[in-house]
Amino acid sequence: MRQIGIGFVVLLGLTACSNPGDFDSDQGLLREFKYLGCEGDWEDESYAPEVLRKQEGILTTYLVRSADTCGYDQGMDAKASLSGETIKLSYRLATSNEEMAACYCEYRARFIIATPTSPITTVEVNGDEARLRDGEAFR
């Protein structure tokens, strides 16, 4: 009898419907991260990060551009978390050599996350509130 009960529970788990916005907590919110590199000097008047958002089904891509000291050539330790209607994206910049410059460069990264069920109205990048817009490419 116990085996039948366990089989029934497993069957229910396999056939249960899920909301397309749900994500598997074992897999996590962050599905993919890619450091896209340096795009040259930062030329915006504002140093606030800028984020483009594009939703495709159960995944949402966040393309991030942000300013930091010139000389970094690696991005790692990416994280994504939710706090209410805010998604917090972060990653660490690193350098393979120790040459840094006293100017600001534009760095880009791509985060692909499981689309949450609640709407995202704000984005933070490395603790800074970002300018968020929907689209596929920066100007």
N, C-alpha and C. Protein backbone atom coordinates (compact mmCIF):
# COMPACT_ATOMS: atom_id res chain seq x y z
N MET A 1 0.82 -1.19 0.00
CA MET A 1 0.00 0.00 0.00
C MET A 1 0.87 1.26 0.00
N ARG A 2 1.98 1.20 0.75
CA ARG A 2 2.84 2.37 0.83
C ARG A 2 3.45 2.69 -0.53
N GLN A 3 3.82 1.66 -1.31
CA GLN A 3 4.39 1.87 -2.63
C GLN A 3 3.38 2.51 -3.56
N ILE A 4 2.12 2.15 -3.46
CA ILE A 4 1.07 2.74 -4.28
C ILE A 4 0.92 4.21 -3.95
N GLY A 5 0.95 4.56 -2.66
CA GLY A 5 0.84 5.95 -2.23
C GLY A 5 2.00 6.79 -2.76
N ILE A 6 3.22 6.25 -2.70
CA ILE A 6 4.39 6.97 -3.20
C ILE A 6 4.28 7.14 -4.71
N GLY A 7 3.86 6.09 -5.42
CA GLY A 7 3.69 6.17 -6.87
C GLY A 7 2.66 7.22 -7.25
N PHE A 8 1.56 7.30 -6.48
CA PHE A 8 0.52 8.29 -6.73
C PHE A 8 1.05 9.70 -6.55
N VAL A 9 1.83 9.95 -5.52
CA VAL A 9 2.42 11.26 -5.26
C VAL A 9 3.37 11.64 -6.39
N VAL A 10 4.21 10.70 -6.83
CA VAL A 10 5.13 10.96 -7.94
C VAL A 10 4.36 11.28 -9.20
N LEU A 11 3.30 10.52 -9.47
CA LEU A 11 2.47 10.76 -10.66
C LEU A 11 1.85 12.15 -10.60
N LEU A 12 1.34 12.54 -9.45
CA LEU A 12 0.77 13.88 -9.31
C LEU A 12 1.83 14.95 -9.58
N GLY A 13 3.01 14.73 -9.07
CA GLY A 13 4.09 15.70 -9.29
C GLY A 13 4.46 15.82 -10.75
N LEU A 14 4.41 14.72 -11.50
CA LEU A 14 4.77 14.74 -12.91
C LEU A 14 3.69 15.36 -13.77
N THR A 15 2.42 15.28 -13.35
CA THR A 15 1.34 15.77 -14.18
C THR A 15 0.82 17.13 -13.74
N ALA A 16 1.32 17.68 -12.65
CA ALA A 16 0.83 18.97 -12.17
C ALA A 16 1.17 20.07 -13.17
N CYS A 17 0.24 20.98 -13.37
CA CYS A 17 0.48 22.11 -14.26
C CYS A 17 1.32 23.14 -13.53
N SER A 18 2.13 23.84 -14.29
CA SER A 18 2.90 24.92 -13.67
C SER A 18 2.69 26.19 -14.45
N ASN A 19 2.76 27.30 -13.77
CA ASN A 19 2.66 28.61 -14.39
C ASN A 19 3.91 28.82 -15.23
N PRO A 20 3.78 29.31 -16.48
CA PRO A 20 4.98 29.50 -17.31
C PRO A 20 5.99 30.44 -16.68
N GLY A 21 5.56 31.26 -15.73
CA GLY A 21 6.48 32.17 -15.07
C GLY A 21 7.22 31.55 -13.90
N ASP A 22 6.81 30.36 -13.51
CA ASP A 22 7.47 29.69 -12.39
C ASP A 22 8.86 29.23 -12.81
N PHE A 23 9.75 29.15 -11.85
CA PHE A 23 11.07 28.61 -12.16
C PHE A 23 11.42 27.57 -11.12
N ASP A 24 12.22 26.63 -11.53
CA ASP A 24 12.64 25.53 -10.67
C ASP A 24 13.65 26.06 -9.67
N SER A 25 13.30 26.03 -8.40
CA SER A 25 14.19 26.59 -7.39
C SER A 25 15.52 25.83 -7.31
N ASP A 26 15.52 24.56 -7.76
CA ASP A 26 16.78 23.82 -7.79
C ASP A 26 17.71 24.37 -8.86
N GLN A 27 17.11 24.82 -9.96
CA GLN A 27 17.92 25.39 -11.04
C GLN A 27 18.23 26.85 -10.76
N GLY A 28 17.36 27.54 -10.06
CA GLY A 28 17.60 28.92 -9.68
C GLY A 28 17.03 29.91 -10.68
N LEU A 29 17.03 31.15 -10.27
CA LEU A 29 16.52 32.26 -11.07
C LEU A 29 17.45 32.54 -12.26
N LEU A 30 18.75 32.56 -12.02
CA LEU A 30 19.72 32.85 -13.07
C LEU A 30 19.96 31.60 -13.90
N ARG A 31 19.62 31.65 -15.17
CA ARG A 31 19.79 30.51 -16.05
C ARG A 31 21.09 30.58 -16.84
N GLU A 32 21.52 31.81 -17.19
CA GLU A 32 22.75 31.94 -17.96
C GLU A 32 23.33 33.34 -17.75
N PHE A 33 24.65 33.40 -17.74
CA PHE A 33 25.35 34.68 -17.65
C PHE A 33 26.48 34.67 -18.66
N LYS A 34 26.66 35.79 -19.32
CA LYS A 34 27.79 35.92 -20.23
C LYS A 34 28.36 37.33 -20.11
N TYR A 35 29.63 37.41 -19.81
CA TYR A 35 30.34 38.68 -19.79
C TYR A 35 30.66 39.01 -21.24
N LEU A 36 30.23 40.18 -21.71
CA LEU A 36 30.38 40.56 -23.11
C LEU A 36 31.58 41.46 -23.36
N GLY A 37 32.22 41.93 -22.30
CA GLY A 37 33.45 42.69 -22.47
C GLY A 37 33.29 44.19 -22.39
N CYS A 38 34.38 44.86 -22.73
CA CYS A 38 34.46 46.32 -22.69
C CYS A 38 34.13 46.87 -24.07
N GLU A 39 33.32 47.92 -24.08
CA GLU A 39 32.92 48.56 -25.33
C GLU A 39 33.62 49.90 -25.54
N GLY A 40 34.64 50.19 -24.74
CA GLY A 40 35.36 51.46 -24.88
C GLY A 40 35.02 52.42 -23.76
N ASP A 41 35.32 53.69 -23.98
CA ASP A 41 35.09 54.71 -22.96
C ASP A 41 33.61 54.90 -22.67
N TRP A 42 33.29 55.18 -21.39
CA TRP A 42 31.92 55.49 -20.99
C TRP A 42 31.67 56.93 -21.39
N GLU A 43 30.62 57.17 -22.18
CA GLU A 43 30.38 58.51 -22.69
C GLU A 43 29.08 59.14 -22.21
N ASP A 44 28.28 58.43 -21.42
CA ASP A 44 27.04 58.99 -20.89
C ASP A 44 27.36 60.01 -19.80
N GLU A 45 26.45 60.98 -19.65
CA GLU A 45 26.59 61.93 -18.54
C GLU A 45 26.28 61.26 -17.21
N SER A 46 25.33 60.33 -17.23
CA SER A 46 24.96 59.60 -16.03
C SER A 46 25.83 58.35 -15.91
N TYR A 47 26.20 58.03 -14.69
CA TYR A 47 26.96 56.80 -14.46
C TYR A 47 26.06 55.66 -14.03
N ALA A 48 24.74 55.89 -14.04
CA ALA A 48 23.80 54.82 -13.69
C ALA A 48 23.82 53.75 -14.77
N PRO A 49 23.80 52.49 -14.38
CA PRO A 49 23.77 51.41 -15.38
C PRO A 49 22.50 51.51 -16.23
N GLU A 50 22.56 50.93 -17.40
CA GLU A 50 21.40 50.86 -18.28
C GLU A 50 21.13 49.39 -18.59
N VAL A 51 19.85 49.02 -18.60
CA VAL A 51 19.47 47.62 -18.81
C VAL A 51 18.36 47.56 -19.87
N LEU A 52 18.58 46.69 -20.84
CA LEU A 52 17.54 46.37 -21.83
C LEU A 52 16.94 45.03 -21.45
N ARG A 53 15.62 44.95 -21.53
CA ARG A 53 14.92 43.72 -21.16
C ARG A 53 14.17 43.18 -22.37
N LYS A 54 14.26 41.87 -22.59
CA LYS A 54 13.51 41.22 -23.65
C LYS A 54 13.00 39.89 -23.12
N GLN A 55 11.67 39.76 -23.07
CA GLN A 55 11.06 38.54 -22.56
C GLN A 55 10.71 37.63 -23.73
N GLU A 56 11.08 36.35 -23.58
CA GLU A 56 10.74 35.33 -24.57
C GLU A 56 10.24 34.10 -23.81
N GLY A 57 8.94 34.01 -23.68
CA GLY A 57 8.34 32.86 -22.99
C GLY A 57 8.71 32.84 -21.52
N ILE A 58 9.29 31.73 -21.09
CA ILE A 58 9.59 31.57 -19.66
C ILE A 58 10.95 32.16 -19.29
N LEU A 59 11.66 32.74 -20.26
CA LEU A 59 12.97 33.34 -19.99
C LEU A 59 12.96 34.82 -20.35
N THR A 60 13.68 35.60 -19.57
CA THR A 60 13.84 37.02 -19.85
C THR A 60 15.34 37.32 -19.89
N THR A 61 15.74 38.03 -20.94
CA THR A 61 17.13 38.44 -21.09
C THR A 61 17.28 39.88 -20.63
N TYR A 62 18.30 40.11 -19.81
CA TYR A 62 18.65 41.46 -19.37
C TYR A 62 20.06 41.74 -19.90
N LEU A 63 20.14 42.70 -20.83
CA LEU A 63 21.42 43.13 -21.37
C LEU A 63 21.84 44.36 -20.59
N VAL A 64 23.00 44.27 -19.94
CA VAL A 64 23.45 45.30 -19.00
C VAL A 64 24.65 46.05 -19.56
N ARG A 65 24.62 47.37 -19.43
CA ARG A 65 25.81 48.17 -19.69
C ARG A 65 26.05 49.04 -18.46
N SER A 66 27.28 49.05 -18.01
CA SER A 66 27.60 49.80 -16.79
C SER A 66 29.02 50.35 -16.88
N ALA A 67 29.28 51.37 -16.07
CA ALA A 67 30.59 52.03 -16.06
C ALA A 67 31.42 51.53 -14.90
N ASP A 68 32.72 51.39 -15.16
CA ASP A 68 33.67 51.07 -14.10
C ASP A 68 35.06 51.45 -14.60
N THR A 69 36.02 51.39 -13.72
CA THR A 69 37.41 51.72 -14.06
C THR A 69 37.88 50.89 -15.25
N CYS A 70 38.59 51.51 -16.16
CA CYS A 70 39.09 50.80 -17.35
C CYS A 70 40.19 49.81 -16.96
N GLY A 71 40.21 48.68 -17.66
CA GLY A 71 41.24 47.69 -17.47
C GLY A 71 40.75 46.29 -17.16
N TYR A 72 39.46 46.15 -16.87
CA TYR A 72 38.93 44.82 -16.57
C TYR A 72 38.73 44.04 -17.86
N ASP A 73 38.98 42.73 -17.80
CA ASP A 73 38.78 41.89 -18.98
C ASP A 73 38.04 40.58 -18.66
N GLN A 74 37.46 40.50 -17.46
CA GLN A 74 36.72 39.30 -17.06
C GLN A 74 35.52 39.69 -16.20
N GLY A 75 34.45 38.93 -16.34
CA GLY A 75 33.27 39.09 -15.50
C GLY A 75 32.91 37.74 -14.93
N MET A 76 32.64 37.67 -13.64
CA MET A 76 32.38 36.38 -13.00
C MET A 76 31.49 36.53 -11.78
N ASP A 77 31.17 35.41 -11.16
CA ASP A 77 30.36 35.36 -9.93
C ASP A 77 29.01 36.05 -10.09
N ALA A 78 28.34 35.78 -11.20
CA ALA A 78 27.04 36.41 -11.47
C ALA A 78 25.98 35.89 -10.52
N LYS A 79 25.06 36.80 -10.14
CA LYS A 79 23.95 36.45 -9.26
C LYS A 79 22.72 37.23 -9.70
N ALA A 80 21.56 36.67 -9.42
CA ALA A 80 20.28 37.34 -9.66
C ALA A 80 19.35 36.98 -8.52
N SER A 81 18.65 37.99 -8.01
CA SER A 81 17.68 37.75 -6.94
C SER A 81 16.52 38.71 -7.09
N LEU A 82 15.41 38.34 -6.47
CA LEU A 82 14.20 39.17 -6.50
C LEU A 82 13.94 39.77 -5.14
N SER A 83 13.48 41.01 -5.15
CA SER A 83 13.03 41.67 -3.94
C SER A 83 11.81 42.49 -4.32
N GLY A 84 10.63 41.93 -4.09
CA GLY A 84 9.39 42.60 -4.52
C GLY A 84 9.36 42.68 -6.03
N GLU A 85 9.24 43.90 -6.56
CA GLU A 85 9.19 44.12 -8.01
C GLU A 85 10.56 44.52 -8.57
N THR A 86 11.61 44.27 -7.79
CA THR A 86 12.97 44.62 -8.21
C THR A 86 13.78 43.36 -8.44
N ILE A 87 14.46 43.31 -9.57
CA ILE A 87 15.43 42.24 -9.79
C ILE A 87 16.81 42.83 -9.55
N LYS A 88 17.60 42.09 -8.77
CA LYS A 88 18.95 42.53 -8.44
C LYS A 88 19.94 41.65 -9.18
N LEU A 89 20.68 42.26 -10.09
CA LEU A 89 21.68 41.56 -10.88
C LEU A 89 23.05 42.00 -10.41
N SER A 90 23.97 41.06 -10.32
CA SER A 90 25.33 41.45 -9.92
C SER A 90 26.35 40.51 -10.53
N TYR A 91 27.52 41.05 -10.74
CA TYR A 91 28.67 40.25 -11.16
C TYR A 91 29.93 41.01 -10.77
N ARG A 92 31.01 40.29 -10.75
CA ARG A 92 32.28 40.88 -10.33
C ARG A 92 33.19 41.01 -11.54
N LEU A 93 33.75 42.20 -11.69
CA LEU A 93 34.75 42.44 -12.73
C LEU A 93 36.12 42.08 -12.19
N ALA A 94 36.96 41.53 -13.06
CA ALA A 94 38.32 41.16 -12.67
C ALA A 94 39.24 41.42 -13.86
N THR A 95 40.53 41.39 -13.58
CA THR A 95 41.51 41.60 -14.64
C THR A 95 42.53 40.47 -14.62
N SER A 96 42.96 40.08 -15.80
CA SER A 96 43.97 39.02 -15.89
C SER A 96 45.38 39.60 -15.75
N ASN A 97 45.49 40.90 -15.85
CA ASN A 97 46.76 41.58 -15.57
C ASN A 97 46.46 42.70 -14.58
N GLU A 98 47.44 43.38 -14.14
CA GLU A 98 47.20 44.40 -13.11
C GLU A 98 47.23 45.81 -13.67
N GLU A 99 47.01 45.95 -14.97
CA GLU A 99 47.03 47.27 -15.59
C GLU A 99 45.64 47.87 -15.57
N MET A 100 45.49 48.97 -14.86
CA MET A 100 44.21 49.67 -14.77
C MET A 100 44.45 51.12 -15.20
N ALA A 101 43.41 51.78 -15.66
CA ALA A 101 43.51 53.17 -16.10
C ALA A 101 42.61 54.03 -15.23
N ALA A 102 42.91 55.31 -15.20
CA ALA A 102 42.15 56.26 -14.38
C ALA A 102 41.03 56.89 -15.21
N CYS A 103 40.26 56.05 -15.89
CA CYS A 103 39.12 56.53 -16.67
C CYS A 103 37.99 55.52 -16.51
N TYR A 104 36.82 55.85 -17.03
CA TYR A 104 35.68 54.93 -16.96
C TYR A 104 35.42 54.32 -18.31
N CYS A 105 35.21 53.01 -18.30
CA CYS A 105 34.90 52.27 -19.51
C CYS A 105 33.49 51.68 -19.40
N GLU A 106 32.93 51.33 -20.55
CA GLU A 106 31.61 50.72 -20.62
C GLU A 106 31.76 49.21 -20.70
N TYR A 107 31.18 48.52 -19.73
CA TYR A 107 31.21 47.06 -19.69
C TYR A 107 29.81 46.53 -19.95
N ARG A 108 29.76 45.40 -20.64
CA ARG A 108 28.47 44.79 -20.95
C ARG A 108 28.42 43.34 -20.50
N ALA A 109 27.22 42.94 -20.11
CA ALA A 109 26.99 41.56 -19.68
C ALA A 109 25.55 41.19 -20.01
N ARG A 110 25.31 39.89 -20.17
CA ARG A 110 23.96 39.40 -20.45
C ARG A 110 23.56 38.40 -19.37
N PHE A 111 22.40 38.64 -18.79
CA PHE A 111 21.81 37.74 -17.80
C PHE A 111 20.53 37.17 -18.41
N ILE A 112 20.37 35.86 -18.37
CA ILE A 112 19.11 35.24 -18.77
C ILE A 112 18.53 34.62 -17.51
N ILE A 113 17.31 35.04 -17.18
CA ILE A 113 16.68 34.56 -15.95
C ILE A 113 15.35 33.91 -16.25
N ALA A 114 14.89 33.09 -15.33
CA ALA A 114 13.54 32.54 -15.40
C ALA A 114 12.57 33.68 -15.13
N THR A 115 11.62 33.88 -16.02
CA THR A 115 10.69 34.99 -15.89
C THR A 115 9.83 34.81 -14.63
N PRO A 116 9.92 35.76 -13.69
CA PRO A 116 9.11 35.63 -12.47
C PRO A 116 7.63 35.90 -12.76
N THR A 117 6.76 35.41 -11.89
CA THR A 117 5.32 35.57 -12.08
C THR A 117 4.89 37.01 -11.80
N SER A 118 5.58 37.71 -10.93
CA SER A 118 5.22 39.11 -10.64
C SER A 118 5.99 40.04 -11.58
N PRO A 119 5.42 41.19 -11.88
CA PRO A 119 6.09 42.12 -12.81
C PRO A 119 7.35 42.72 -12.19
N ILE A 120 8.34 42.93 -13.03
CA ILE A 120 9.58 43.59 -12.61
C ILE A 120 9.49 45.03 -13.06
N THR A 121 9.56 45.95 -12.11
CA THR A 121 9.47 47.38 -12.45
C THR A 121 10.79 48.11 -12.31
N THR A 122 11.71 47.55 -11.52
CA THR A 122 13.03 48.18 -11.37
C THR A 122 14.12 47.11 -11.39
N VAL A 123 15.30 47.55 -11.78
CA VAL A 123 16.46 46.67 -11.83
C VAL A 123 17.61 47.36 -11.12
N GLU A 124 18.34 46.59 -10.34
CA GLU A 124 19.59 47.06 -9.74
C GLU A 124 20.73 46.24 -10.34
N VAL A 125 21.83 46.93 -10.62
CA VAL A 125 23.03 46.27 -11.12
C VAL A 125 24.16 46.58 -10.16
N ASN A 126 24.70 45.57 -9.55
CA ASN A 126 25.78 45.73 -8.56
C ASN A 126 25.42 46.77 -7.50
N GLY A 127 24.15 46.78 -7.09
CA GLY A 127 23.70 47.65 -6.02
C GLY A 127 23.24 49.03 -6.47
N ASP A 128 23.38 49.37 -7.74
CA ASP A 128 22.96 50.68 -8.25
C ASP A 128 21.67 50.54 -9.04
N GLU A 129 20.72 51.47 -8.82
CA GLU A 129 19.48 51.43 -9.60
C GLU A 129 19.80 51.73 -11.06
N ALA A 130 19.26 50.91 -11.93
CA ALA A 130 19.55 51.02 -13.36
C ALA A 130 18.40 51.68 -14.10
N ARG A 131 18.74 52.23 -15.25
CA ARG A 131 17.74 52.75 -16.18
C ARG A 131 17.25 51.55 -16.99
N LEU A 132 15.96 51.22 -16.87
CA LEU A 132 15.40 50.02 -17.48
C LEU A 132 14.52 50.40 -18.67
N ARG A 133 14.72 49.68 -19.77
CA ARG A 133 13.81 49.82 -20.91
C ARG A 133 13.73 48.49 -21.64
N ASP A 134 12.66 48.32 -22.39
CA ASP A 134 12.50 47.11 -23.18
C ASP A 134 13.11 47.32 -24.55
N GLY A 135 13.75 46.29 -25.08
CA GLY A 135 14.36 46.40 -26.40
C GLY A 135 15.40 45.34 -26.61
N GLU A 136 16.06 45.43 -27.78
CA GLU A 136 17.04 44.43 -28.15
C GLU A 136 18.46 44.97 -28.31
N ALA A 137 18.59 46.28 -28.51
CA ALA A 137 19.93 46.83 -28.75
C ALA A 137 20.05 48.22 -28.13
N PHE A 138 21.23 48.52 -27.66
CA PHE A 138 21.51 49.87 -27.16
C PHE A 138 21.65 50.80 -28.35
N ARG A 139 21.44 52.06 -28.13
CA ARG A 139 21.53 53.06 -29.21
C ARG A 139 22.85 53.08 -29.90
